[in-house]
């Protein structure tokens, strides 16, 4: 009777071990094989953020151009007769 219980325990452990190895094998295949691209839900949010960044960069570019114009024209806030240091 003890041999029968031992055989059942060994068979059960073998089945559990095979299931665990199978799951690990399937997860490994899934990681290595490229799957279909899943649509991301944040596309609208990303588009809005990119548009906001573009607007901010456009305004920044305009400011830099204005500052360049002021500095190159000599109207950078210096009074007549001041030294350049």
PDB file of N, CA and C in Angstrom:
ATOM      1  N   UNK A   1       0.822  -1.191   0.000  1.00  0.00           N
ATOM      2  CA  UNK A   1       0.000   0.000   0.000  1.00  0.00           C
ATOM      3  C   UNK A   1       0.869   1.261   0.000  1.00  0.00           C
ATOM      4  N   UNK A   2       1.962   1.240   0.742  1.00  0.00           N
ATOM      5  CA  UNK A   2       2.851   2.389   0.810  1.00  0.00           C
ATOM      6  C   UNK A   2       3.495   2.643  -0.542  1.00  0.00           C
ATOM      7  N   UNK A   3       3.815   1.602  -1.282  1.00  0.00           N
ATOM      8  CA  UNK A   3       4.396   1.749  -2.604  1.00  0.00           C
ATOM      9  C   UNK A   3       3.427   2.401  -3.578  1.00  0.00           C
ATOM     10  N   UNK A   4       2.134   2.105  -3.435  1.00  0.00           N
ATOM     11  CA  UNK A   4       1.117   2.681  -4.300  1.00  0.00           C
ATOM     12  C   UNK A   4       0.987   4.177  -4.037  1.00  0.00           C
ATOM     13  N   UNK A   5       0.997   4.600  -2.784  1.00  0.00           N
ATOM     14  CA  UNK A   5       0.902   6.014  -2.423  1.00  0.00           C
ATOM     15  C   UNK A   5       2.131   6.758  -2.936  1.00  0.00           C
ATOM     16  N   UNK A   6       3.290   6.134  -2.789  1.00  0.00           N
ATOM     17  CA  UNK A   6       4.520   6.743  -3.279  1.00  0.00           C
ATOM     18  C   UNK A   6       4.470   6.916  -4.790  1.00  0.00           C
ATOM     19  N   UNK A   7       3.941   5.939  -5.489  1.00  0.00           N
ATOM     20  CA  UNK A   7       3.821   6.022  -6.943  1.00  0.00           C
ATOM     21  C   UNK A   7       2.861   7.139  -7.343  1.00  0.00           C
ATOM     22  N   UNK A   8       1.749   7.293  -6.622  1.00  0.00           N
ATOM     23  CA  UNK A   8       0.799   8.374  -6.919  1.00  0.00           C
ATOM     24  C   UNK A   8       1.419   9.751  -6.677  1.00  0.00           C
ATOM     25  N   UNK A   9       2.168   9.864  -5.582  1.00  0.00           N
ATOM     26  CA  UNK A   9       2.825  11.140  -5.284  1.00  0.00           C
ATOM     27  C   UNK A   9       3.840  11.468  -6.371  1.00  0.00           C
ATOM     28  N   UNK A  10       4.619  10.474  -6.778  1.00  0.00           N
ATOM     29  CA  UNK A  10       5.614  10.690  -7.833  1.00  0.00           C
ATOM     30  C   UNK A  10       4.943  11.059  -9.157  1.00  0.00           C
ATOM     31  N   UNK A  11       3.833  10.402  -9.490  1.00  0.00           N
ATOM     32  CA  UNK A  11       3.120  10.699 -10.730  1.00  0.00           C
ATOM     33  C   UNK A  11       2.558  12.124 -10.682  1.00  0.00           C
ATOM     34  N   UNK A  12       1.993  12.498  -9.531  1.00  0.00           N
ATOM     35  CA  UNK A  12       1.450  13.852  -9.390  1.00  0.00           C
ATOM     36  C   UNK A  12       2.541  14.906  -9.498  1.00  0.00           C
ATOM     37  N   UNK A  13       3.689  14.657  -8.875  1.00  0.00           N
ATOM     38  CA  UNK A  13       4.803  15.595  -8.950  1.00  0.00           C
ATOM     39  C   UNK A  13       5.315  15.711 -10.378  1.00  0.00           C
ATOM     40  N   UNK A  14       5.332  14.586 -11.093  1.00  0.00           N
ATOM     41  CA  UNK A  14       5.771  14.603 -12.493  1.00  0.00           C
ATOM     42  C   UNK A  14       4.823  15.435 -13.350  1.00  0.00           C
ATOM     43  N   UNK A  15       3.527  15.259 -13.145  1.00  0.00           N
ATOM     44  CA  UNK A  15       2.538  16.028 -13.921  1.00  0.00           C
ATOM     45  C   UNK A  15       2.676  17.522 -13.629  1.00  0.00           C
ATOM     46  N   UNK A  16       2.800  17.876 -12.359  1.00  0.00           N
ATOM     47  CA  UNK A  16       2.950  19.288 -11.987  1.00  0.00           C
ATOM     48  C   UNK A  16       4.230  19.858 -12.586  1.00  0.00           C
ATOM     49  N   UNK A  17       5.319  19.094 -12.523  1.00  0.00           N
ATOM     50  CA  UNK A  17       6.582  19.543 -13.107  1.00  0.00           C
ATOM     51  C   UNK A  17       6.478  19.753 -14.606  1.00  0.00           C
ATOM     52  N   UNK A  18       5.786  18.821 -15.292  1.00  0.00           N
ATOM     53  CA  UNK A  18       5.617  18.965 -16.748  1.00  0.00           C
ATOM     54  C   UNK A  18       4.761  20.186 -17.091  1.00  0.00           C
ATOM     55  N   UNK A  19       3.740  20.444 -16.298  1.00  0.00           N
ATOM     56  CA  UNK A  19       2.896  21.627 -16.536  1.00  0.00           C
ATOM     57  C   UNK A  19       3.718  22.897 -16.349  1.00  0.00           C
ATOM     58  N   UNK A  20       4.519  22.952 -15.288  1.00  0.00           N
ATOM     59  CA  UNK A  20       5.351  24.140 -15.042  1.00  0.00           C
ATOM     60  C   UNK A  20       6.349  24.341 -16.176  1.00  0.00           C
ATOM     61  N   UNK A  21       6.999  23.257 -16.616  1.00  0.00           N
ATOM     62  CA  UNK A  21       7.944  23.374 -17.728  1.00  0.00           C
ATOM     63  C   UNK A  21       7.245  23.807 -19.021  1.00  0.00           C
ATOM     64  N   UNK A  22       6.043  23.306 -19.251  1.00  0.00           N
ATOM     65  CA  UNK A  22       5.284  23.705 -20.434  1.00  0.00           C
ATOM     66  C   UNK A  22       4.936  25.183 -20.426  1.00  0.00           C
ATOM     67  N   UNK A  23       4.531  25.677 -19.267  1.00  0.00           N
ATOM     68  CA  UNK A  23       4.193  27.101 -19.154  1.00  0.00           C
ATOM     69  C   UNK A  23       5.432  27.959 -19.398  1.00  0.00           C
ATOM     70  N   UNK A  24       6.553  27.559 -18.807  1.00  0.00           N
ATOM     71  CA  UNK A  24       7.800  28.304 -19.012  1.00  0.00           C
ATOM     72  C   UNK A  24       8.188  28.288 -20.488  1.00  0.00           C
ATOM     73  N   UNK A  25       8.044  27.142 -21.149  1.00  0.00           N
ATOM     74  CA  UNK A  25       8.369  27.031 -22.566  1.00  0.00           C
ATOM     75  C   UNK A  25       7.475  27.939 -23.413  1.00  0.00           C
ATOM     76  N   UNK A  26       6.171  27.921 -23.133  1.00  0.00           N
ATOM     77  CA  UNK A  26       5.241  28.761 -23.903  1.00  0.00           C
ATOM     78  C   UNK A  26       5.501  30.253 -23.670  1.00  0.00           C
ATOM     79  N   UNK A  27       5.818  30.637 -22.435  1.00  0.00           N
ATOM     80  CA  UNK A  27       6.141  32.045 -22.174  1.00  0.00           C
ATOM     81  C   UNK A  27       7.416  32.459 -22.892  1.00  0.00           C
ATOM     82  N   UNK A  28       8.402  31.551 -22.945  1.00  0.00           N
ATOM     83  CA  UNK A  28       9.640  31.842 -23.665  1.00  0.00           C
ATOM     84  C   UNK A  28       9.396  32.046 -25.152  1.00  0.00           C
ATOM     85  N   UNK A  29       8.566  31.190 -25.736  1.00  0.00           N
ATOM     86  CA  UNK A  29       8.237  31.349 -27.166  1.00  0.00           C
ATOM     87  C   UNK A  29       7.507  32.665 -27.392  1.00  0.00           C
ATOM     88  N   UNK A  30       6.586  32.991 -26.501  1.00  0.00           N
ATOM     89  CA  UNK A  30       5.817  34.227 -26.669  1.00  0.00           C
ATOM     90  C   UNK A  30       6.703  35.466 -26.567  1.00  0.00           C
ATOM     91  N   UNK A  31       7.704  35.422 -25.708  1.00  0.00           N
ATOM     92  CA  UNK A  31       8.617  36.557 -25.571  1.00  0.00           C
ATOM     93  C   UNK A  31       9.517  36.710 -26.791  1.00  0.00           C
ATOM     94  N   UNK A  32       9.933  35.585 -27.368  1.00  0.00           N
ATOM     95  CA  UNK A  32      10.853  35.643 -28.508  1.00  0.00           C
ATOM     96  C   UNK A  32      10.154  35.948 -29.824  1.00  0.00           C
ATOM     97  N   UNK A  33       8.915  35.534 -29.957  1.00  0.00           N
ATOM     98  CA  UNK A  33       8.188  35.732 -31.215  1.00  0.00           C
ATOM     99  C   UNK A  33       7.466  37.077 -31.178  1.00  0.00           C
ATOM    100  N   UNK A  34       7.680  37.892 -32.200  1.00  0.00           N
ATOM    101  CA  UNK A  34       6.975  39.180 -32.204  1.00  0.00           C
ATOM    102  C   UNK A  34       5.489  38.957 -32.447  1.00  0.00           C
ATOM    103  N   UNK A  35       4.685  39.566 -31.603  1.00  0.00           N
ATOM    104  CA  UNK A  35       3.239  39.441 -31.729  1.00  0.00           C
ATOM    105  C   UNK A  35       2.669  40.604 -32.520  1.00  0.00           C
ATOM    106  N   UNK A  36       1.372  40.577 -32.727  1.00  0.00           N
ATOM    107  CA  UNK A  36       0.739  41.694 -33.442  1.00  0.00           C
ATOM    108  C   UNK A  36       0.799  42.958 -32.592  1.00  0.00           C
ATOM    109  N   UNK A  37       0.949  44.080 -33.282  1.00  0.00           N
ATOM    110  CA  UNK A  37       0.991  45.360 -32.574  1.00  0.00           C
ATOM    111  C   UNK A  37      -0.386  45.655 -32.009  1.00  0.00           C
ATOM    112  N   UNK A  38      -0.419  45.880 -30.733  1.00  0.00           N
ATOM    113  CA  UNK A  38      -1.687  46.205 -30.098  1.00  0.00           C
ATOM    114  C   UNK A  38      -1.900  47.708 -30.167  1.00  0.00           C
ATOM    115  N   UNK A  39      -3.103  48.128 -30.465  1.00  0.00           N
ATOM    116  CA  UNK A  39      -3.352  49.573 -30.508  1.00  0.00           C
ATOM    117  C   UNK A  39      -3.240  50.156 -29.105  1.00  0.00           C
ATOM    118  N   UNK A  40      -2.582  51.297 -29.056  1.00  0.00           N
ATOM    119  CA  UNK A  40      -2.427  51.967 -27.772  1.00  0.00           C
ATOM    120  C   UNK A  40      -3.592  52.914 -27.578  1.00  0.00           C
ATOM    121  N   UNK A  41      -4.065  52.982 -26.372  1.00  0.00           N
ATOM    122  CA  UNK A  41      -5.233  53.803 -26.085  1.00  0.00           C
ATOM    123  C   UNK A  41      -4.918  55.283 -25.945  1.00  0.00           C
ATOM    124  N   UNK A  42      -3.645  55.654 -25.797  1.00  0.00           N
ATOM    125  CA  UNK A  42      -3.298  57.039 -25.533  1.00  0.00           C
ATOM    126  C   UNK A  42      -2.920  57.835 -26.761  1.00  0.00           C
ATOM    127  N   UNK A  43      -3.366  57.433 -27.936  1.00  0.00           N
ATOM    128  CA  UNK A  43      -2.969  58.139 -29.152  1.00  0.00           C
ATOM    129  C   UNK A  43      -3.481  59.576 -29.170  1.00  0.00           C
ATOM    130  N   UNK A  44      -4.712  59.788 -28.727  1.00  0.00           N
ATOM    131  CA  UNK A  44      -5.243  61.157 -28.703  1.00  0.00           C
ATOM    132  C   UNK A  44      -4.460  62.014 -27.723  1.00  0.00           C
ATOM    133  N   UNK A  45      -4.152  61.435 -26.578  1.00  0.00           N
ATOM    134  CA  UNK A  45      -3.386  62.176 -25.565  1.00  0.00           C
ATOM    135  C   UNK A  45      -1.996  62.505 -26.080  1.00  0.00           C
ATOM    136  N   UNK A  46      -1.363  61.547 -26.743  1.00  0.00           N
ATOM    137  CA  UNK A  46      -0.028  61.787 -27.298  1.00  0.00           C
ATOM    138  C   UNK A  46      -0.074  62.873 -28.365  1.00  0.00           C
ATOM    139  N   UNK A  47      -1.082  62.840 -29.222  1.00  0.00           N
ATOM    140  CA  UNK A  47      -1.207  63.850 -30.275  1.00  0.00           C
ATOM    141  C   UNK A  47      -1.387  65.236 -29.666  1.00  0.00           C
ATOM    142  N   UNK A  48      -2.206  65.318 -28.616  1.00  0.00           N
ATOM    143  CA  UNK A  48      -2.436  66.609 -27.960  1.00  0.00           C
ATOM    144  C   UNK A  48      -1.146  67.124 -27.328  1.00  0.00           C
ATOM    145  N   UNK A  49      -0.397  66.248 -26.680  1.00  0.00           N
ATOM    146  CA  UNK A  49       0.864  66.666 -26.067  1.00  0.00           C
ATOM    147  C   UNK A  49       1.879  67.106 -27.114  1.00  0.00           C
ATOM    148  N   UNK A  50       1.955  66.382 -28.218  1.00  0.00           N
ATOM    149  CA  UNK A  50       2.894  66.761 -29.277  1.00  0.00           C
ATOM    150  C   UNK A  50       2.524  68.105 -29.891  1.00  0.00           C
ATOM    151  N   UNK A  51       1.224  68.360 -30.068  1.00  0.00           N
ATOM    152  CA  UNK A  51       0.795  69.651 -30.597  1.00  0.00           C
ATOM    153  C   UNK A  51       1.145  70.779 -29.632  1.00  0.00           C
ATOM    154  N   UNK A  52       0.961  70.516 -28.328  1.00  0.00           N
ATOM    155  CA  UNK A  52       1.297  71.530 -27.329  1.00  0.00           C
ATOM    156  C   UNK A  52       2.800  71.807 -27.324  1.00  0.00           C
ATOM    157  N   UNK A  53       3.607  70.774 -27.427  1.00  0.00           N
ATOM    158  CA  UNK A  53       5.059  70.949 -27.485  1.00  0.00           C
ATOM    159  C   UNK A  53       5.444  71.732 -28.730  1.00  0.00           C
ATOM    160  N   UNK A  54       4.810  71.425 -29.860  1.00  0.00           N
ATOM    161  CA  UNK A  54       5.116  72.135 -31.112  1.00  0.00           C
ATOM    162  C   UNK A  54       4.782  73.623 -30.985  1.00  0.00           C
ATOM    163  N   UNK A  55       3.614  73.923 -30.404  1.00  0.00           N
ATOM    164  CA  UNK A  55       3.239  75.336 -30.220  1.00  0.00           C
ATOM    165  C   UNK A  55       4.231  76.052 -29.302  1.00  0.00           C
ATOM    166  N   UNK A  56       4.627  75.379 -28.233  1.00  0.00           N
ATOM    167  CA  UNK A  56       5.579  75.990 -27.294  1.00  0.00           C
ATOM    168  C   UNK A  56       6.920  76.246 -27.965  1.00  0.00           C
ATOM    169  N   UNK A  57       7.383  75.285 -28.767  1.00  0.00           N
ATOM    170  CA  UNK A  57       8.658  75.466 -29.458  1.00  0.00           C
ATOM    171  C   UNK A  57       8.578  76.574 -30.503  1.00  0.00           C
ATOM    172  N   UNK A  58       7.434  76.706 -31.147  1.00  0.00           N
ATOM    173  CA  UNK A  58       7.258  77.787 -32.126  1.00  0.00           C
ATOM    174  C   UNK A  58       7.327  79.143 -31.426  1.00  0.00           C
ATOM    175  N   UNK A  59       6.658  79.257 -30.277  1.00  0.00           N
ATOM    176  CA  UNK A  59       6.713  80.521 -29.525  1.00  0.00           C
ATOM    177  C   UNK A  59       8.134  80.802 -29.045  1.00  0.00           C
ATOM    178  N   UNK A  60       8.828  79.764 -28.600  1.00  0.00           N
ATOM    179  CA  UNK A  60      10.211  79.936 -28.149  1.00  0.00           C
ATOM    180  C   UNK A  60      11.097  80.401 -29.302  1.00  0.00           C
ATOM    181  N   UNK A  61      10.893  79.845 -30.483  1.00  0.00           N
ATOM    182  CA  UNK A  61      11.677  80.252 -31.647  1.00  0.00           C
ATOM    183  C   UNK A  61      11.435  81.724 -31.975  1.00  0.00           C
ATOM    184  N   UNK A  62      10.186  82.145 -31.869  1.00  0.00           N
ATOM    185  CA  UNK A  62       9.874  83.556 -32.135  1.00  0.00           C
ATOM    186  C   UNK A  62      10.558  84.465 -31.113  1.00  0.00           C
ATOM    187  N   UNK A  63      10.567  84.040 -29.856  1.00  0.00           N
ATOM    188  CA  UNK A  63      11.241  84.851 -28.830  1.00  0.00           C
ATOM    189  C   UNK A  63      12.736  84.957 -29.094  1.00  0.00           C
ATOM    190  N   UNK A  64      13.352  83.843 -29.462  1.00  0.00           N
ATOM    191  CA  UNK A  64      14.793  83.851 -29.732  1.00  0.00           C
ATOM    192  C   UNK A  64      15.095  84.765 -30.911  1.00  0.00           C
ATOM    193  N   UNK A  65      14.282  84.699 -31.951  1.00  0.00           N
ATOM    194  CA  UNK A  65      14.500  85.572 -33.109  1.00  0.00           C
ATOM    195  C   UNK A  65      14.370  87.037 -32.709  1.00  0.00           C
ATOM    196  N   UNK A  66      13.393  87.347 -31.852  1.00  0.00           N
ATOM    197  CA  UNK A  66      13.220  88.721 -31.388  1.00  0.00           C
ATOM    198  C   UNK A  66      14.447  89.181 -30.593  1.00  0.00           C
ATOM    199  N   UNK A  67      14.925  88.321 -29.707  1.00  0.00           N
ATOM    200  CA  UNK A  67      16.117  88.668 -28.927  1.00  0.00           C
ATOM    201  C   UNK A  67      17.342  88.835 -29.820  1.00  0.00           C
ATOM    202  N   UNK A  68      17.487  87.972 -30.813  1.00  0.00           N
ATOM    203  CA  UNK A  68      18.615  88.106 -31.740  1.00  0.00           C
ATOM    204  C   UNK A  68      18.547  89.442 -32.468  1.00  0.00           C
ATOM    205  N   UNK A  69      17.357  89.819 -32.887  1.00  0.00           N
ATOM    206  CA  UNK A  69      17.183  91.083 -33.589  1.00  0.00           C
ATOM    207  C   UNK A  69      17.564  92.249 -32.677  1.00  0.00           C
ATOM    208  N   UNK A  70      17.109  92.206 -31.429  1.00  0.00           N
ATOM    209  CA  UNK A  70      17.430  93.286 -30.493  1.00  0.00           C
ATOM    210  C   UNK A  70      18.924  93.376 -30.237  1.00  0.00           C
ATOM    211  N   UNK A  71      19.567  92.239 -30.044  1.00  0.00           N
ATOM    212  CA  UNK A  71      20.998  92.251 -29.737  1.00  0.00           C
ATOM    213  C   UNK A  71      21.804  92.682 -30.954  1.00  0.00           C
ATOM    214  N   UNK A  72      21.478  92.171 -32.135  1.00  0.00           N
ATOM    215  CA  UNK A  72      22.253  92.482 -33.326  1.00  0.00           C
ATOM    216  C   UNK A  72      22.047  93.919 -33.789  1.00  0.00           C
ATOM    217  N   UNK A  73      20.892  94.487 -33.519  1.00  0.00           N
ATOM    218  CA  UNK A  73      20.637  95.873 -33.911  1.00  0.00           C
ATOM    219  C   UNK A  73      21.190  96.863 -32.901  1.00  0.00           C
ATOM    220  N   UNK A  74      21.693  96.378 -31.781  1.00  0.00           N
ATOM    221  CA  UNK A  74      22.238  97.279 -30.771  1.00  0.00           C
ATOM    222  C   UNK A  74      21.183  97.904 -29.898  1.00  0.00           C
ATOM    223  N   UNK A  75      19.967  97.390 -29.946  1.00  0.00           N
ATOM    224  CA  UNK A  75      18.892  97.938 -29.119  1.00  0.00           C
ATOM    225  C   UNK A  75      18.668  97.035 -27.911  1.00  0.00           C
ATOM    226  N   UNK A  76      19.710  96.448 -27.434  1.00  0.00           N
ATOM    227  CA  UNK A  76      19.608  95.495 -26.338  1.00  0.00           C
ATOM    228  C   UNK A  76      19.434  96.133 -24.993  1.00  0.00           C
ATOM    229  N   UNK A  77      19.016  97.366 -24.914  1.00  0.00           N
ATOM    230  CA  UNK A  77      18.774  98.017 -23.646  1.00  0.00           C
ATOM    231  C   UNK A  77      19.933  98.884 -23.187  1.00  0.00           C
ATOM    232  N   UNK A  78      21.013  98.978 -23.987  1.00  0.00           N
ATOM    233  CA  UNK A  78      22.151  99.811 -23.598  1.00  0.00           C
ATOM    234  C   UNK A  78      21.877 101.258 -23.975  1.00  0.00           C
ATOM    235  N   UNK A  79      22.246 102.132 -23.077  1.00  0.00           N
ATOM    236  CA  UNK A  79      22.110 103.555 -23.333  1.00  0.00           C
ATOM    237  C   UNK A  79      23.310 104.035 -24.149  1.00  0.00           C
ATOM    238  N   UNK A  80      23.149 105.124 -24.829  1.00  0.00           N
ATOM    239  CA  UNK A  80      24.262 105.681 -25.593  1.00  0.00           C
ATOM    240  C   UNK A  80      25.353 106.134 -24.645  1.00  0.00           C
ATOM    241  N   UNK A  81      26.596 105.794 -24.951  1.00  0.00           N
ATOM    242  CA  UNK A  81      27.714 106.217 -24.133  1.00  0.00           C
ATOM    243  C   UNK A  81      28.140 105.176 -23.102  1.00  0.00           C
ATOM    244  N   UNK A  82      27.430 104.070 -22.984  1.00  0.00           N
ATOM    245  CA  UNK A  82      27.838 103.039 -22.028  1.00  0.00           C
ATOM    246  C   UNK A  82      28.972 102.221 -22.619  1.00  0.00           C
ATOM    247  N   UNK A  83      29.836 101.724 -21.736  1.00  0.00           N
ATOM    248  CA  UNK A  83      30.958 100.878 -22.172  1.00  0.00           C
ATOM    249  C   UNK A  83      30.455  99.451 -22.413  1.00  0.00           C
ATOM    250  N   UNK A  84      31.149  98.794 -23.337  1.00  0.00           N
ATOM    251  CA  UNK A  84      30.908  97.366 -23.514  1.00  0.00           C
ATOM    252  C   UNK A  84      31.856  96.640 -22.616  1.00  0.00           C
ATOM    253  N   UNK A  85      31.390  95.800 -21.775  1.00  0.00           N
ATOM    254  CA  UNK A  85      32.259  95.026 -20.867  1.00  0.00           C
ATOM    255  C   UNK A  85      31.983  93.581 -20.990  1.00  0.00           C
TER     256      UNK A  85
END
